[in-house]
Amino acid sequence: MFNVVKAFGSIFSTQGYSTANNMLIKNYVNTNFNYFNEEAVVDESIYPNQTGRVRFQGSWWPARCDRQITLTPGDTVFVIGVDNITLLVSLAPAD
């Protein structure tokens, strides 16, 4: 059976997982996200201070833009950060 938590965790973690009573316990979360400044395409509108959705690396991700702009489907954005599993995006790559 596919475990979503384990799949997402493998992206953000450099250490393994342990299970206790079939519950996944994360030992360590790596803050080094290797996809900064990569392109994503808006799939569901992202409004100011709200989460939308982007297509990134072949799958859909929740995404948020901290600027007071609305990103519409089809807009190309750049990943500038990550907050849990929500990608932080911008119209221009981070410097």
N, C-alpha and C. Protein backbone atom coordinates (compact mmCIF):
# COMPACT_ATOMS: atom_id res chain seq x y z
N MET A 1 0.84 -1.18 0.00
CA MET A 1 0.00 0.00 0.00
C MET A 1 0.88 1.24 0.00
N PHE A 2 0.53 2.23 -0.80
CA PHE A 2 1.30 3.46 -0.92
C PHE A 2 1.11 4.32 0.31
N ASN A 3 2.18 4.77 0.90
CA ASN A 3 2.15 5.60 2.10
C ASN A 3 2.55 7.02 1.72
N VAL A 4 1.58 7.93 1.65
CA VAL A 4 1.81 9.31 1.23
C VAL A 4 2.79 10.01 2.16
N VAL A 5 2.64 9.82 3.46
CA VAL A 5 3.52 10.47 4.42
C VAL A 5 4.96 10.04 4.19
N LYS A 6 5.18 8.76 3.98
CA LYS A 6 6.53 8.27 3.77
C LYS A 6 7.08 8.78 2.44
N ALA A 7 6.25 8.85 1.41
CA ALA A 7 6.70 9.34 0.11
C ALA A 7 7.11 10.79 0.19
N PHE A 8 6.29 11.65 0.78
CA PHE A 8 6.64 13.05 0.93
C PHE A 8 7.83 13.21 1.86
N GLY A 9 7.86 12.45 2.91
CA GLY A 9 8.95 12.55 3.88
C GLY A 9 10.29 12.22 3.27
N SER A 10 10.32 11.30 2.30
CA SER A 10 11.59 10.94 1.70
C SER A 10 12.19 12.10 0.92
N ILE A 11 11.38 13.03 0.48
CA ILE A 11 11.87 14.20 -0.23
C ILE A 11 12.56 15.14 0.74
N PHE A 12 12.03 15.28 1.95
CA PHE A 12 12.50 16.28 2.88
C PHE A 12 13.42 15.74 3.97
N SER A 13 13.67 14.48 4.01
CA SER A 13 14.41 13.91 5.12
C SER A 13 15.70 13.24 4.64
N THR A 14 16.74 13.36 5.46
CA THR A 14 17.99 12.66 5.14
C THR A 14 18.15 11.44 6.02
N GLN A 15 17.32 11.28 7.04
CA GLN A 15 17.39 10.11 7.91
C GLN A 15 16.15 9.27 7.71
N GLY A 16 16.21 8.07 8.20
CA GLY A 16 15.13 7.12 8.00
C GLY A 16 13.94 7.37 8.90
N TYR A 17 13.00 6.46 8.82
CA TYR A 17 11.78 6.50 9.60
C TYR A 17 11.71 5.26 10.45
N SER A 18 11.01 5.36 11.55
CA SER A 18 10.74 4.17 12.34
C SER A 18 9.24 4.07 12.52
N THR A 19 8.77 2.87 12.70
CA THR A 19 7.35 2.69 12.89
C THR A 19 7.09 2.16 14.29
N ALA A 20 6.01 2.60 14.87
CA ALA A 20 5.59 2.12 16.18
C ALA A 20 4.08 1.95 16.11
N ASN A 21 3.62 0.73 16.26
CA ASN A 21 2.19 0.43 16.15
C ASN A 21 1.61 0.93 14.83
N ASN A 22 2.36 0.68 13.73
CA ASN A 22 1.96 1.07 12.38
C ASN A 22 1.79 2.58 12.20
N MET A 23 2.36 3.37 13.09
CA MET A 23 2.32 4.83 12.93
C MET A 23 3.71 5.28 12.54
N LEU A 24 3.78 6.18 11.57
CA LEU A 24 5.05 6.66 11.09
C LEU A 24 5.55 7.78 11.99
N ILE A 25 6.79 7.68 12.41
CA ILE A 25 7.39 8.69 13.27
C ILE A 25 8.61 9.24 12.54
N LYS A 26 8.59 10.53 12.24
CA LYS A 26 9.70 11.15 11.54
C LYS A 26 10.79 11.49 12.54
N ASN A 27 12.02 11.06 12.27
CA ASN A 27 13.13 11.31 13.16
C ASN A 27 13.77 12.67 12.95
N TYR A 28 13.81 13.12 11.72
CA TYR A 28 14.54 14.35 11.41
C TYR A 28 14.01 14.91 10.10
N VAL A 29 13.82 16.21 10.02
CA VAL A 29 13.38 16.85 8.79
C VAL A 29 14.52 17.72 8.29
N ASN A 30 14.92 17.49 7.06
CA ASN A 30 16.00 18.26 6.45
C ASN A 30 15.43 19.54 5.85
N THR A 31 15.99 20.67 6.20
CA THR A 31 15.51 21.94 5.66
C THR A 31 16.17 22.27 4.32
N ASN A 32 17.07 21.43 3.85
CA ASN A 32 17.70 21.64 2.54
C ASN A 32 16.79 21.08 1.47
N PHE A 33 16.09 21.94 0.80
CA PHE A 33 15.19 21.55 -0.28
C PHE A 33 15.93 21.74 -1.58
N ASN A 34 16.09 20.71 -2.39
CA ASN A 34 16.96 20.75 -3.56
C ASN A 34 16.32 21.29 -4.82
N TYR A 35 15.14 21.86 -4.76
CA TYR A 35 14.45 22.29 -5.97
C TYR A 35 14.22 23.79 -6.04
N PHE A 36 15.01 24.59 -5.32
CA PHE A 36 14.84 26.03 -5.39
C PHE A 36 15.11 26.54 -6.80
N ASN A 37 14.31 27.51 -7.21
CA ASN A 37 14.39 28.15 -8.53
C ASN A 37 14.00 27.25 -9.68
N GLU A 38 13.40 26.09 -9.40
CA GLU A 38 12.86 25.23 -10.45
C GLU A 38 11.49 25.75 -10.86
N GLU A 39 11.13 25.55 -12.11
CA GLU A 39 9.84 26.01 -12.61
C GLU A 39 8.71 25.08 -12.21
N ALA A 40 7.55 25.69 -12.01
CA ALA A 40 6.30 24.97 -11.78
C ALA A 40 5.23 25.71 -12.57
N VAL A 41 4.12 25.04 -12.84
CA VAL A 41 3.02 25.67 -13.58
C VAL A 41 1.78 25.68 -12.69
N VAL A 42 1.15 26.84 -12.58
CA VAL A 42 -0.04 26.98 -11.76
C VAL A 42 -1.16 26.15 -12.38
N ASP A 43 -1.79 25.31 -11.57
CA ASP A 43 -2.90 24.46 -12.01
C ASP A 43 -4.22 24.97 -11.45
N GLU A 44 -4.19 25.48 -10.23
CA GLU A 44 -5.37 26.03 -9.55
C GLU A 44 -4.98 27.41 -9.03
N SER A 45 -5.77 28.42 -9.31
CA SER A 45 -5.42 29.80 -8.95
C SER A 45 -4.90 29.93 -7.53
N ILE A 46 -3.90 30.78 -7.39
CA ILE A 46 -3.31 31.08 -6.09
C ILE A 46 -3.63 32.55 -5.79
N TYR A 47 -4.48 32.77 -4.82
CA TYR A 47 -4.90 34.12 -4.43
C TYR A 47 -4.03 34.60 -3.27
N PRO A 48 -3.94 35.93 -3.07
CA PRO A 48 -3.14 36.45 -1.96
C PRO A 48 -3.55 35.82 -0.62
N ASN A 49 -2.55 35.38 0.13
CA ASN A 49 -2.74 34.78 1.46
C ASN A 49 -3.56 33.49 1.44
N GLN A 50 -3.62 32.82 0.29
CA GLN A 50 -4.34 31.55 0.18
C GLN A 50 -3.48 30.53 -0.55
N THR A 51 -3.83 29.28 -0.39
CA THR A 51 -3.10 28.20 -1.05
C THR A 51 -3.84 27.77 -2.30
N GLY A 52 -3.09 27.58 -3.37
CA GLY A 52 -3.61 27.03 -4.62
C GLY A 52 -2.86 25.75 -4.92
N ARG A 53 -2.69 25.46 -6.22
CA ARG A 53 -2.01 24.21 -6.59
C ARG A 53 -1.15 24.44 -7.83
N VAL A 54 0.03 23.79 -7.84
CA VAL A 54 0.91 23.85 -9.00
C VAL A 54 1.28 22.44 -9.43
N ARG A 55 1.68 22.33 -10.67
CA ARG A 55 2.24 21.08 -11.20
C ARG A 55 3.75 21.25 -11.16
N PHE A 56 4.41 20.37 -10.40
CA PHE A 56 5.85 20.49 -10.19
C PHE A 56 6.47 19.10 -10.17
N GLN A 57 7.50 18.91 -10.97
CA GLN A 57 8.23 17.64 -11.01
C GLN A 57 7.30 16.45 -11.25
N GLY A 58 6.29 16.64 -12.10
CA GLY A 58 5.41 15.55 -12.48
C GLY A 58 4.26 15.25 -11.55
N SER A 59 4.05 16.09 -10.52
CA SER A 59 2.91 15.86 -9.63
C SER A 59 2.36 17.21 -9.16
N TRP A 60 1.21 17.16 -8.52
CA TRP A 60 0.56 18.38 -8.05
C TRP A 60 0.94 18.64 -6.61
N TRP A 61 1.19 19.91 -6.29
CA TRP A 61 1.60 20.32 -4.96
C TRP A 61 0.76 21.51 -4.52
N PRO A 62 0.44 21.61 -3.24
CA PRO A 62 -0.15 22.85 -2.75
C PRO A 62 0.93 23.94 -2.84
N ALA A 63 0.50 25.15 -3.17
CA ALA A 63 1.47 26.24 -3.32
C ALA A 63 0.88 27.54 -2.83
N ARG A 64 1.78 28.43 -2.39
CA ARG A 64 1.36 29.74 -1.88
C ARG A 64 2.36 30.79 -2.36
N CYS A 65 1.86 31.97 -2.66
CA CYS A 65 2.70 33.11 -3.01
C CYS A 65 2.45 34.18 -1.96
N ASP A 66 3.52 34.67 -1.34
CA ASP A 66 3.36 35.64 -0.25
C ASP A 66 3.23 37.08 -0.74
N ARG A 67 3.18 37.29 -2.04
CA ARG A 67 2.97 38.63 -2.59
C ARG A 67 1.48 38.85 -2.81
N GLN A 68 1.07 40.08 -2.89
CA GLN A 68 -0.35 40.41 -3.07
C GLN A 68 -0.74 40.39 -4.54
N ILE A 69 -0.56 39.22 -5.17
CA ILE A 69 -0.93 39.03 -6.57
C ILE A 69 -1.72 37.73 -6.69
N THR A 70 -2.46 37.61 -7.76
CA THR A 70 -3.19 36.38 -8.06
C THR A 70 -2.48 35.69 -9.21
N LEU A 71 -2.14 34.44 -9.00
CA LEU A 71 -1.52 33.62 -10.05
C LEU A 71 -2.61 32.73 -10.63
N THR A 72 -2.71 32.72 -11.95
CA THR A 72 -3.79 31.99 -12.62
C THR A 72 -3.26 30.75 -13.32
N PRO A 73 -4.15 29.78 -13.59
CA PRO A 73 -3.72 28.55 -14.25
C PRO A 73 -2.96 28.84 -15.54
N GLY A 74 -1.86 28.14 -15.71
CA GLY A 74 -1.00 28.32 -16.87
C GLY A 74 0.19 29.23 -16.61
N ASP A 75 0.15 30.03 -15.54
CA ASP A 75 1.29 30.89 -15.20
C ASP A 75 2.49 30.02 -14.82
N THR A 76 3.66 30.41 -15.29
CA THR A 76 4.90 29.75 -14.88
C THR A 76 5.43 30.48 -13.66
N VAL A 77 5.74 29.71 -12.63
CA VAL A 77 6.27 30.27 -11.39
C VAL A 77 7.54 29.52 -11.02
N PHE A 78 8.24 30.04 -10.03
CA PHE A 78 9.48 29.43 -9.56
C PHE A 78 9.35 29.09 -8.09
N VAL A 79 9.85 27.93 -7.72
CA VAL A 79 9.84 27.50 -6.32
C VAL A 79 10.93 28.28 -5.59
N ILE A 80 10.52 29.04 -4.56
CA ILE A 80 11.50 29.83 -3.80
C ILE A 80 11.62 29.37 -2.35
N GLY A 81 10.81 28.39 -1.96
CA GLY A 81 10.87 27.89 -0.59
C GLY A 81 9.85 26.78 -0.40
N VAL A 82 9.81 26.27 0.82
CA VAL A 82 8.87 25.21 1.15
C VAL A 82 8.45 25.36 2.61
N ASP A 83 7.17 25.15 2.88
CA ASP A 83 6.62 25.19 4.23
C ASP A 83 5.82 23.91 4.41
N ASN A 84 6.40 22.94 5.12
CA ASN A 84 5.85 21.58 5.19
C ASN A 84 5.79 21.03 3.78
N ILE A 85 4.60 20.72 3.25
CA ILE A 85 4.52 20.24 1.87
C ILE A 85 3.99 21.31 0.93
N THR A 86 3.84 22.53 1.40
CA THR A 86 3.38 23.63 0.55
C THR A 86 4.58 24.33 -0.06
N LEU A 87 4.60 24.41 -1.39
CA LEU A 87 5.68 25.11 -2.06
C LEU A 87 5.41 26.61 -2.00
N LEU A 88 6.44 27.38 -1.77
CA LEU A 88 6.36 28.83 -1.81
C LEU A 88 6.86 29.23 -3.19
N VAL A 89 6.04 29.98 -3.94
CA VAL A 89 6.37 30.28 -5.32
C VAL A 89 6.37 31.78 -5.58
N SER A 90 7.03 32.14 -6.68
CA SER A 90 7.13 33.54 -7.10
C SER A 90 7.16 33.58 -8.62
N LEU A 91 6.87 34.75 -9.18
CA LEU A 91 6.94 34.90 -10.64
C LEU A 91 8.38 34.93 -11.14
N ALA A 92 9.32 35.28 -10.28
CA ALA A 92 10.73 35.34 -10.66
C ALA A 92 11.54 34.44 -9.74
N PRO A 93 12.64 33.87 -10.26
CA PRO A 93 13.47 33.03 -9.40
C PRO A 93 14.08 33.84 -8.26
N ALA A 94 14.40 33.16 -7.17
CA ALA A 94 15.06 33.82 -6.04
C ALA A 94 16.49 34.14 -6.39
N ASP A 95 17.00 35.23 -5.86
CA ASP A 95 18.40 35.61 -6.13
C ASP A 95 19.35 34.84 -5.28
